[in-house]
Amino acid sequence: MAAPGSVQKGDDEWRAVLSPEQFRILRQKGTEYAGTGEYVNFDKEGVYGCVGCKAPLYKSTTKFNAGCGWPAFFDGIPGAITRTADPDGRRVEITCATCGGHLGHVFKGEGFATPTDERHCVNSVSLKFTPANPSL
């Protein structure tokens, strides 16, 4: 049974609303090439939401430059992100708690000077940015 407020769609429904690249990453757990994403070197104020279901995931105040080639955040909006250990136990996958879309992976203990010592390494393709002040 789906969680309250969750978005459940079949592959054909997702293909109808996502680009082929968005589908490959969000629904098939793909990864975009490092350094190619729209939000890698992006620093405007606002909220990053799931491109699939529009659920808010990250505030711009938690984004930092990790130099990894993907947008990096040290924390998500409470309840917005689900963590699942990869079968090999080497990484922890992060997905949108609302629609299950693949976002990337979270890494802990890398020594970044952030409040959580975490790096949410997120595919830009998985995100849609909404500016804090749309008139600017």
N, C-alpha and C. Protein backbone atom coordinates (compact mmCIF):
# COMPACT_ATOMS: atom_id res chain seq x y z
N MET A 1 0.84 -1.19 0.00
CA MET A 1 0.00 0.00 0.00
C MET A 1 0.88 1.25 0.00
N ALA A 2 0.53 2.23 -0.80
CA ALA A 2 1.30 3.47 -0.92
C ALA A 2 1.11 4.35 0.30
N ALA A 3 2.16 5.07 0.64
CA ALA A 3 2.10 5.99 1.77
C ALA A 3 1.19 7.17 1.44
N PRO A 4 0.53 7.75 2.45
CA PRO A 4 -0.32 8.91 2.19
C PRO A 4 0.49 10.04 1.54
N GLY A 5 -0.06 10.64 0.51
CA GLY A 5 0.62 11.73 -0.19
C GLY A 5 1.65 11.26 -1.21
N SER A 6 1.82 9.95 -1.36
CA SER A 6 2.82 9.46 -2.30
C SER A 6 2.28 9.53 -3.73
N VAL A 7 3.20 9.54 -4.67
CA VAL A 7 2.85 9.58 -6.08
C VAL A 7 3.23 8.24 -6.68
N GLN A 8 2.25 7.51 -7.17
CA GLN A 8 2.48 6.20 -7.76
C GLN A 8 2.08 6.25 -9.24
N LYS A 9 3.02 5.91 -10.12
CA LYS A 9 2.75 5.87 -11.56
C LYS A 9 3.47 4.68 -12.16
N GLY A 10 2.93 4.18 -13.24
CA GLY A 10 3.60 3.13 -13.99
C GLY A 10 4.65 3.74 -14.92
N ASP A 11 5.50 2.89 -15.51
CA ASP A 11 6.56 3.39 -16.39
C ASP A 11 6.02 4.22 -17.54
N ASP A 12 4.92 3.81 -18.16
CA ASP A 12 4.37 4.58 -19.27
C ASP A 12 3.93 5.97 -18.83
N GLU A 13 3.35 6.06 -17.64
CA GLU A 13 2.93 7.36 -17.11
C GLU A 13 4.14 8.24 -16.83
N TRP A 14 5.21 7.65 -16.27
CA TRP A 14 6.43 8.43 -16.02
C TRP A 14 7.06 8.89 -17.34
N ARG A 15 7.09 8.00 -18.33
CA ARG A 15 7.68 8.38 -19.63
C ARG A 15 6.92 9.54 -20.27
N ALA A 16 5.63 9.64 -19.99
CA ALA A 16 4.82 10.72 -20.56
C ALA A 16 5.14 12.08 -19.95
N VAL A 17 5.69 12.11 -18.74
CA VAL A 17 5.95 13.40 -18.07
C VAL A 17 7.43 13.70 -17.87
N LEU A 18 8.30 12.72 -18.11
CA LEU A 18 9.74 12.93 -17.95
C LEU A 18 10.44 12.82 -19.30
N SER A 19 11.54 13.56 -19.45
CA SER A 19 12.37 13.39 -20.64
C SER A 19 13.04 12.02 -20.56
N PRO A 20 13.57 11.51 -21.68
CA PRO A 20 14.27 10.22 -21.62
C PRO A 20 15.40 10.20 -20.59
N GLU A 21 16.16 11.29 -20.48
CA GLU A 21 17.25 11.36 -19.50
C GLU A 21 16.71 11.39 -18.07
N GLN A 22 15.66 12.14 -17.83
CA GLN A 22 15.04 12.16 -16.51
C GLN A 22 14.52 10.78 -16.14
N PHE A 23 13.89 10.09 -17.07
CA PHE A 23 13.38 8.75 -16.82
C PHE A 23 14.53 7.80 -16.49
N ARG A 24 15.62 7.86 -17.26
CA ARG A 24 16.77 6.99 -17.04
C ARG A 24 17.34 7.17 -15.63
N ILE A 25 17.41 8.39 -15.18
CA ILE A 25 18.00 8.65 -13.86
C ILE A 25 16.99 8.43 -12.74
N LEU A 26 15.82 9.05 -12.82
CA LEU A 26 14.84 8.93 -11.73
C LEU A 26 14.25 7.53 -11.59
N ARG A 27 13.90 6.91 -12.68
CA ARG A 27 13.18 5.65 -12.61
C ARG A 27 14.07 4.42 -12.79
N GLN A 28 15.23 4.59 -13.45
CA GLN A 28 16.13 3.45 -13.68
C GLN A 28 17.44 3.56 -12.90
N LYS A 29 17.52 4.54 -12.00
CA LYS A 29 18.66 4.72 -11.11
C LYS A 29 19.97 5.00 -11.84
N GLY A 30 19.87 5.81 -12.88
CA GLY A 30 21.06 6.18 -13.63
C GLY A 30 21.83 7.31 -12.97
N THR A 31 22.90 7.73 -13.62
CA THR A 31 23.73 8.83 -13.13
C THR A 31 24.11 9.71 -14.30
N GLU A 32 24.04 11.03 -14.11
CA GLU A 32 24.49 11.93 -15.16
C GLU A 32 26.01 12.05 -15.08
N TYR A 33 26.64 12.47 -16.17
CA TYR A 33 28.08 12.63 -16.18
C TYR A 33 28.49 13.76 -15.24
N ALA A 34 29.58 13.56 -14.53
CA ALA A 34 30.10 14.57 -13.59
C ALA A 34 30.35 15.88 -14.31
N GLY A 35 29.99 16.97 -13.66
CA GLY A 35 30.26 18.31 -14.18
C GLY A 35 29.32 18.78 -15.27
N THR A 36 28.32 17.99 -15.65
CA THR A 36 27.44 18.37 -16.75
C THR A 36 26.09 18.91 -16.30
N GLY A 37 25.75 18.75 -15.05
CA GLY A 37 24.43 19.13 -14.56
C GLY A 37 24.21 20.61 -14.42
N GLU A 38 22.98 21.01 -14.62
CA GLU A 38 22.56 22.41 -14.54
C GLU A 38 22.85 23.06 -13.19
N TYR A 39 22.80 22.30 -12.10
CA TYR A 39 22.91 22.89 -10.76
C TYR A 39 24.25 22.67 -10.08
N VAL A 40 25.27 22.20 -10.80
CA VAL A 40 26.58 21.96 -10.20
C VAL A 40 27.16 23.26 -9.65
N ASN A 41 27.23 24.30 -10.45
CA ASN A 41 27.79 25.59 -10.03
C ASN A 41 26.70 26.64 -9.95
N PHE A 42 25.66 26.34 -9.27
CA PHE A 42 24.46 27.16 -9.19
C PHE A 42 24.31 27.60 -7.74
N ASP A 43 24.08 28.91 -7.50
CA ASP A 43 24.06 29.37 -6.12
C ASP A 43 22.95 30.38 -5.80
N LYS A 44 21.81 30.23 -6.41
CA LYS A 44 20.70 31.13 -6.13
C LYS A 44 19.90 30.64 -4.92
N GLU A 45 19.17 31.57 -4.28
CA GLU A 45 18.36 31.21 -3.11
C GLU A 45 17.02 30.64 -3.55
N GLY A 46 16.63 29.55 -2.90
CA GLY A 46 15.35 28.93 -3.21
C GLY A 46 15.29 27.49 -2.73
N VAL A 47 14.45 26.71 -3.39
CA VAL A 47 14.23 25.32 -3.00
C VAL A 47 14.39 24.43 -4.23
N TYR A 48 15.06 23.30 -4.02
CA TYR A 48 15.23 22.28 -5.05
C TYR A 48 14.18 21.21 -4.79
N GLY A 49 13.35 20.96 -5.80
CA GLY A 49 12.31 19.95 -5.68
C GLY A 49 12.56 18.80 -6.62
N CYS A 50 11.80 17.75 -6.44
CA CYS A 50 11.87 16.57 -7.31
C CYS A 50 11.29 16.93 -8.67
N VAL A 51 12.02 16.65 -9.73
CA VAL A 51 11.54 16.96 -11.08
C VAL A 51 10.34 16.08 -11.45
N GLY A 52 10.21 14.93 -10.81
CA GLY A 52 9.12 14.02 -11.13
C GLY A 52 7.79 14.40 -10.51
N CYS A 53 7.82 14.75 -9.21
CA CYS A 53 6.57 14.99 -8.50
C CYS A 53 6.47 16.38 -7.87
N LYS A 54 7.52 17.17 -8.00
CA LYS A 54 7.56 18.56 -7.50
C LYS A 54 7.68 18.68 -5.98
N ALA A 55 7.84 17.58 -5.26
CA ALA A 55 7.99 17.64 -3.80
C ALA A 55 9.28 18.38 -3.45
N PRO A 56 9.25 19.31 -2.49
CA PRO A 56 10.46 20.01 -2.06
C PRO A 56 11.44 19.02 -1.39
N LEU A 57 12.72 19.11 -1.76
CA LEU A 57 13.72 18.18 -1.25
C LEU A 57 14.84 18.88 -0.47
N TYR A 58 15.36 19.97 -1.01
CA TYR A 58 16.51 20.65 -0.41
C TYR A 58 16.32 22.16 -0.44
N LYS A 59 16.78 22.83 0.61
CA LYS A 59 16.84 24.29 0.63
C LYS A 59 18.22 24.69 0.13
N SER A 60 18.29 25.82 -0.56
CA SER A 60 19.57 26.29 -1.09
C SER A 60 20.58 26.55 0.02
N THR A 61 20.11 26.81 1.23
CA THR A 61 21.02 27.07 2.36
C THR A 61 21.80 25.82 2.78
N THR A 62 21.41 24.64 2.27
CA THR A 62 22.14 23.41 2.61
C THR A 62 23.04 22.95 1.46
N LYS A 63 23.09 23.72 0.38
CA LYS A 63 23.93 23.37 -0.77
C LYS A 63 25.35 23.88 -0.52
N PHE A 64 26.33 23.09 -0.91
CA PHE A 64 27.72 23.53 -0.77
C PHE A 64 28.56 22.98 -1.92
N ASN A 65 29.72 23.57 -2.11
CA ASN A 65 30.61 23.15 -3.20
C ASN A 65 31.52 22.05 -2.67
N ALA A 66 31.23 20.82 -3.07
CA ALA A 66 32.03 19.68 -2.64
C ALA A 66 33.11 19.34 -3.66
N GLY A 67 33.05 19.99 -4.84
CA GLY A 67 34.04 19.71 -5.87
C GLY A 67 33.93 18.32 -6.47
N CYS A 68 32.75 17.72 -6.38
CA CYS A 68 32.57 16.34 -6.82
C CYS A 68 31.98 16.22 -8.23
N GLY A 69 31.51 17.34 -8.80
CA GLY A 69 30.93 17.28 -10.14
C GLY A 69 29.42 17.17 -10.17
N TRP A 70 28.79 17.06 -9.00
CA TRP A 70 27.34 17.02 -8.88
C TRP A 70 26.92 18.01 -7.80
N PRO A 71 25.68 18.48 -7.83
CA PRO A 71 25.21 19.32 -6.73
C PRO A 71 25.34 18.55 -5.41
N ALA A 72 25.82 19.23 -4.38
CA ALA A 72 26.00 18.60 -3.08
C ALA A 72 25.23 19.39 -2.02
N PHE A 73 24.57 18.66 -1.15
CA PHE A 73 23.80 19.24 -0.05
C PHE A 73 24.20 18.51 1.23
N PHE A 74 24.19 19.22 2.36
CA PHE A 74 24.54 18.55 3.61
C PHE A 74 23.33 18.04 4.37
N ASP A 75 22.13 18.40 3.92
CA ASP A 75 20.92 17.90 4.57
C ASP A 75 19.72 18.17 3.67
N GLY A 76 18.72 17.30 3.78
CA GLY A 76 17.48 17.47 3.04
C GLY A 76 16.40 18.05 3.93
N ILE A 77 15.30 18.42 3.31
CA ILE A 77 14.12 18.88 4.05
C ILE A 77 13.60 17.68 4.85
N PRO A 78 13.31 17.84 6.14
CA PRO A 78 12.88 16.71 6.96
C PRO A 78 11.72 15.91 6.33
N GLY A 79 11.92 14.60 6.23
CA GLY A 79 10.91 13.70 5.69
C GLY A 79 10.85 13.61 4.18
N ALA A 80 11.67 14.39 3.47
CA ALA A 80 11.58 14.46 2.01
C ALA A 80 12.39 13.38 1.30
N ILE A 81 13.37 12.80 1.99
CA ILE A 81 14.31 11.90 1.34
C ILE A 81 14.35 10.56 2.07
N THR A 82 14.33 9.49 1.28
CA THR A 82 14.45 8.14 1.82
C THR A 82 15.86 7.63 1.55
N ARG A 83 16.44 6.98 2.53
CA ARG A 83 17.79 6.41 2.41
C ARG A 83 17.69 4.89 2.39
N THR A 84 18.41 4.28 1.45
CA THR A 84 18.43 2.83 1.33
C THR A 84 19.85 2.38 1.03
N ALA A 85 20.38 1.49 1.85
CA ALA A 85 21.73 0.98 1.61
C ALA A 85 21.74 0.20 0.30
N ASP A 86 22.76 0.43 -0.54
CA ASP A 86 22.93 -0.36 -1.75
C ASP A 86 23.20 -1.80 -1.35
N PRO A 87 22.83 -2.76 -2.21
CA PRO A 87 23.02 -4.18 -1.87
C PRO A 87 24.46 -4.53 -1.47
N ASP A 88 25.45 -3.85 -2.08
CA ASP A 88 26.85 -4.17 -1.76
C ASP A 88 27.31 -3.49 -0.46
N GLY A 89 26.48 -2.62 0.11
CA GLY A 89 26.80 -1.97 1.37
C GLY A 89 27.82 -0.84 1.28
N ARG A 90 28.26 -0.50 0.07
CA ARG A 90 29.28 0.55 -0.09
C ARG A 90 28.71 1.96 -0.08
N ARG A 91 27.45 2.09 -0.53
CA ARG A 91 26.86 3.42 -0.62
C ARG A 91 25.44 3.38 -0.10
N VAL A 92 24.89 4.58 0.11
CA VAL A 92 23.49 4.71 0.53
C VAL A 92 22.77 5.52 -0.54
N GLU A 93 21.78 4.90 -1.18
CA GLU A 93 21.00 5.58 -2.20
C GLU A 93 20.01 6.53 -1.54
N ILE A 94 19.77 7.68 -2.17
CA ILE A 94 18.74 8.60 -1.71
C ILE A 94 17.68 8.72 -2.81
N THR A 95 16.42 8.66 -2.36
CA THR A 95 15.29 8.77 -3.28
C THR A 95 14.28 9.76 -2.72
N CYS A 96 13.44 10.28 -3.59
CA CYS A 96 12.35 11.17 -3.18
C CYS A 96 11.36 10.34 -2.37
N ALA A 97 11.03 10.79 -1.17
CA ALA A 97 10.10 10.05 -0.32
C ALA A 97 8.68 10.06 -0.88
N THR A 98 8.36 11.01 -1.75
CA THR A 98 7.01 11.12 -2.30
C THR A 98 6.79 10.19 -3.49
N CYS A 99 7.75 10.16 -4.43
CA CYS A 99 7.54 9.35 -5.65
C CYS A 99 8.55 8.23 -5.84
N GLY A 100 9.56 8.17 -5.00
CA GLY A 100 10.56 7.12 -5.12
C GLY A 100 11.61 7.37 -6.18
N GLY A 101 11.62 8.57 -6.77
CA GLY A 101 12.60 8.89 -7.81
C GLY A 101 14.02 8.89 -7.27
N HIS A 102 14.93 8.29 -8.02
CA HIS A 102 16.35 8.23 -7.65
C HIS A 102 16.96 9.62 -7.72
N LEU A 103 17.62 10.02 -6.64
CA LEU A 103 18.29 11.32 -6.59
C LEU A 103 19.80 11.17 -6.73
N GLY A 104 20.37 10.20 -6.06
CA GLY A 104 21.82 10.00 -6.05
C GLY A 104 22.20 9.17 -4.85
N HIS A 105 23.28 9.59 -4.17
CA HIS A 105 23.77 8.86 -3.00
C HIS A 105 24.20 9.84 -1.92
N VAL A 106 24.20 9.35 -0.70
CA VAL A 106 24.66 10.17 0.43
C VAL A 106 25.91 9.51 1.01
N PHE A 107 26.89 10.36 1.34
CA PHE A 107 28.15 9.89 1.90
C PHE A 107 28.37 10.61 3.23
N LYS A 108 28.88 9.89 4.21
CA LYS A 108 29.11 10.42 5.54
C LYS A 108 30.58 10.34 5.89
N GLY A 109 31.01 11.28 6.73
CA GLY A 109 32.36 11.21 7.28
C GLY A 109 33.47 11.58 6.33
N GLU A 110 33.20 12.41 5.35
CA GLU A 110 34.24 12.82 4.40
C GLU A 110 35.02 14.03 4.87
N GLY A 111 34.62 14.60 6.00
CA GLY A 111 35.37 15.71 6.58
C GLY A 111 35.00 17.09 6.08
N PHE A 112 33.87 17.24 5.41
CA PHE A 112 33.44 18.56 4.98
C PHE A 112 33.02 19.36 6.21
N ALA A 113 33.28 20.63 6.19
CA ALA A 113 32.93 21.51 7.32
C ALA A 113 31.46 21.91 7.22
N THR A 114 30.60 20.93 7.39
CA THR A 114 29.16 21.16 7.35
C THR A 114 28.57 20.65 8.67
N PRO A 115 27.38 21.09 9.03
CA PRO A 115 26.79 20.67 10.30
C PRO A 115 26.55 19.16 10.42
N THR A 116 26.39 18.45 9.30
CA THR A 116 26.06 17.03 9.36
C THR A 116 27.21 16.11 8.96
N ASP A 117 28.28 16.67 8.37
CA ASP A 117 29.37 15.88 7.81
C ASP A 117 28.82 14.84 6.82
N GLU A 118 27.80 15.26 6.08
CA GLU A 118 27.23 14.43 5.02
C GLU A 118 27.32 15.17 3.70
N ARG A 119 27.38 14.38 2.62
CA ARG A 119 27.32 14.94 1.27
C ARG A 119 26.26 14.18 0.51
N HIS A 120 25.15 14.86 0.23
CA HIS A 120 24.11 14.30 -0.64
C HIS A 120 24.55 14.65 -2.05
N CYS A 121 25.01 13.66 -2.77
CA CYS A 121 25.50 13.83 -4.14
C CYS A 121 24.32 13.56 -5.07
N VAL A 122 23.76 14.63 -5.64
CA VAL A 122 22.47 14.55 -6.32
C VAL A 122 22.62 14.87 -7.81
N ASN A 123 21.95 14.10 -8.65
CA ASN A 123 21.91 14.38 -10.08
C ASN A 123 21.07 15.63 -10.33
N SER A 124 21.61 16.60 -11.07
CA SER A 124 20.85 17.80 -11.43
C SER A 124 19.56 17.44 -12.14
N VAL A 125 19.61 16.40 -12.97
CA VAL A 125 18.44 15.98 -13.75
C VAL A 125 17.27 15.61 -12.83
N SER A 126 17.56 15.21 -11.61
CA SER A 126 16.52 14.82 -10.65
C SER A 126 15.84 16.02 -10.00
N LEU A 127 16.40 17.21 -10.21
CA LEU A 127 15.95 18.39 -9.48
C LEU A 127 15.29 19.44 -10.36
N LYS A 128 14.42 20.22 -9.76
CA LYS A 128 13.83 21.40 -10.38
C LYS A 128 13.91 22.51 -9.34
N PHE A 129 14.59 23.60 -9.67
CA PHE A 129 14.81 24.70 -8.75
C PHE A 129 13.67 25.71 -8.82
N THR A 130 13.23 26.16 -7.64
CA THR A 130 12.24 27.23 -7.54
C THR A 130 12.90 28.37 -6.76
N PRO A 131 13.05 29.54 -7.39
CA PRO A 131 13.71 30.65 -6.69
C PRO A 131 12.90 31.17 -5.52
N ALA A 132 13.60 31.65 -4.50
CA ALA A 132 12.95 32.22 -3.32
C ALA A 132 12.17 33.46 -3.70
N ASN A 133 12.70 34.26 -4.61
CA ASN A 133 12.05 35.47 -5.07
C ASN A 133 11.96 35.41 -6.60
N PRO A 134 10.86 34.89 -7.12
CA PRO A 134 10.74 34.69 -8.57
C PRO A 134 10.84 35.97 -9.40
N SER A 135 10.66 37.13 -8.79
CA SER A 135 10.70 38.37 -9.56
C SER A 135 12.12 38.84 -9.84
N LEU A 136 13.11 38.22 -9.23
CA LEU A 136 14.50 38.64 -9.48
C LEU A 136 15.08 37.93 -10.68
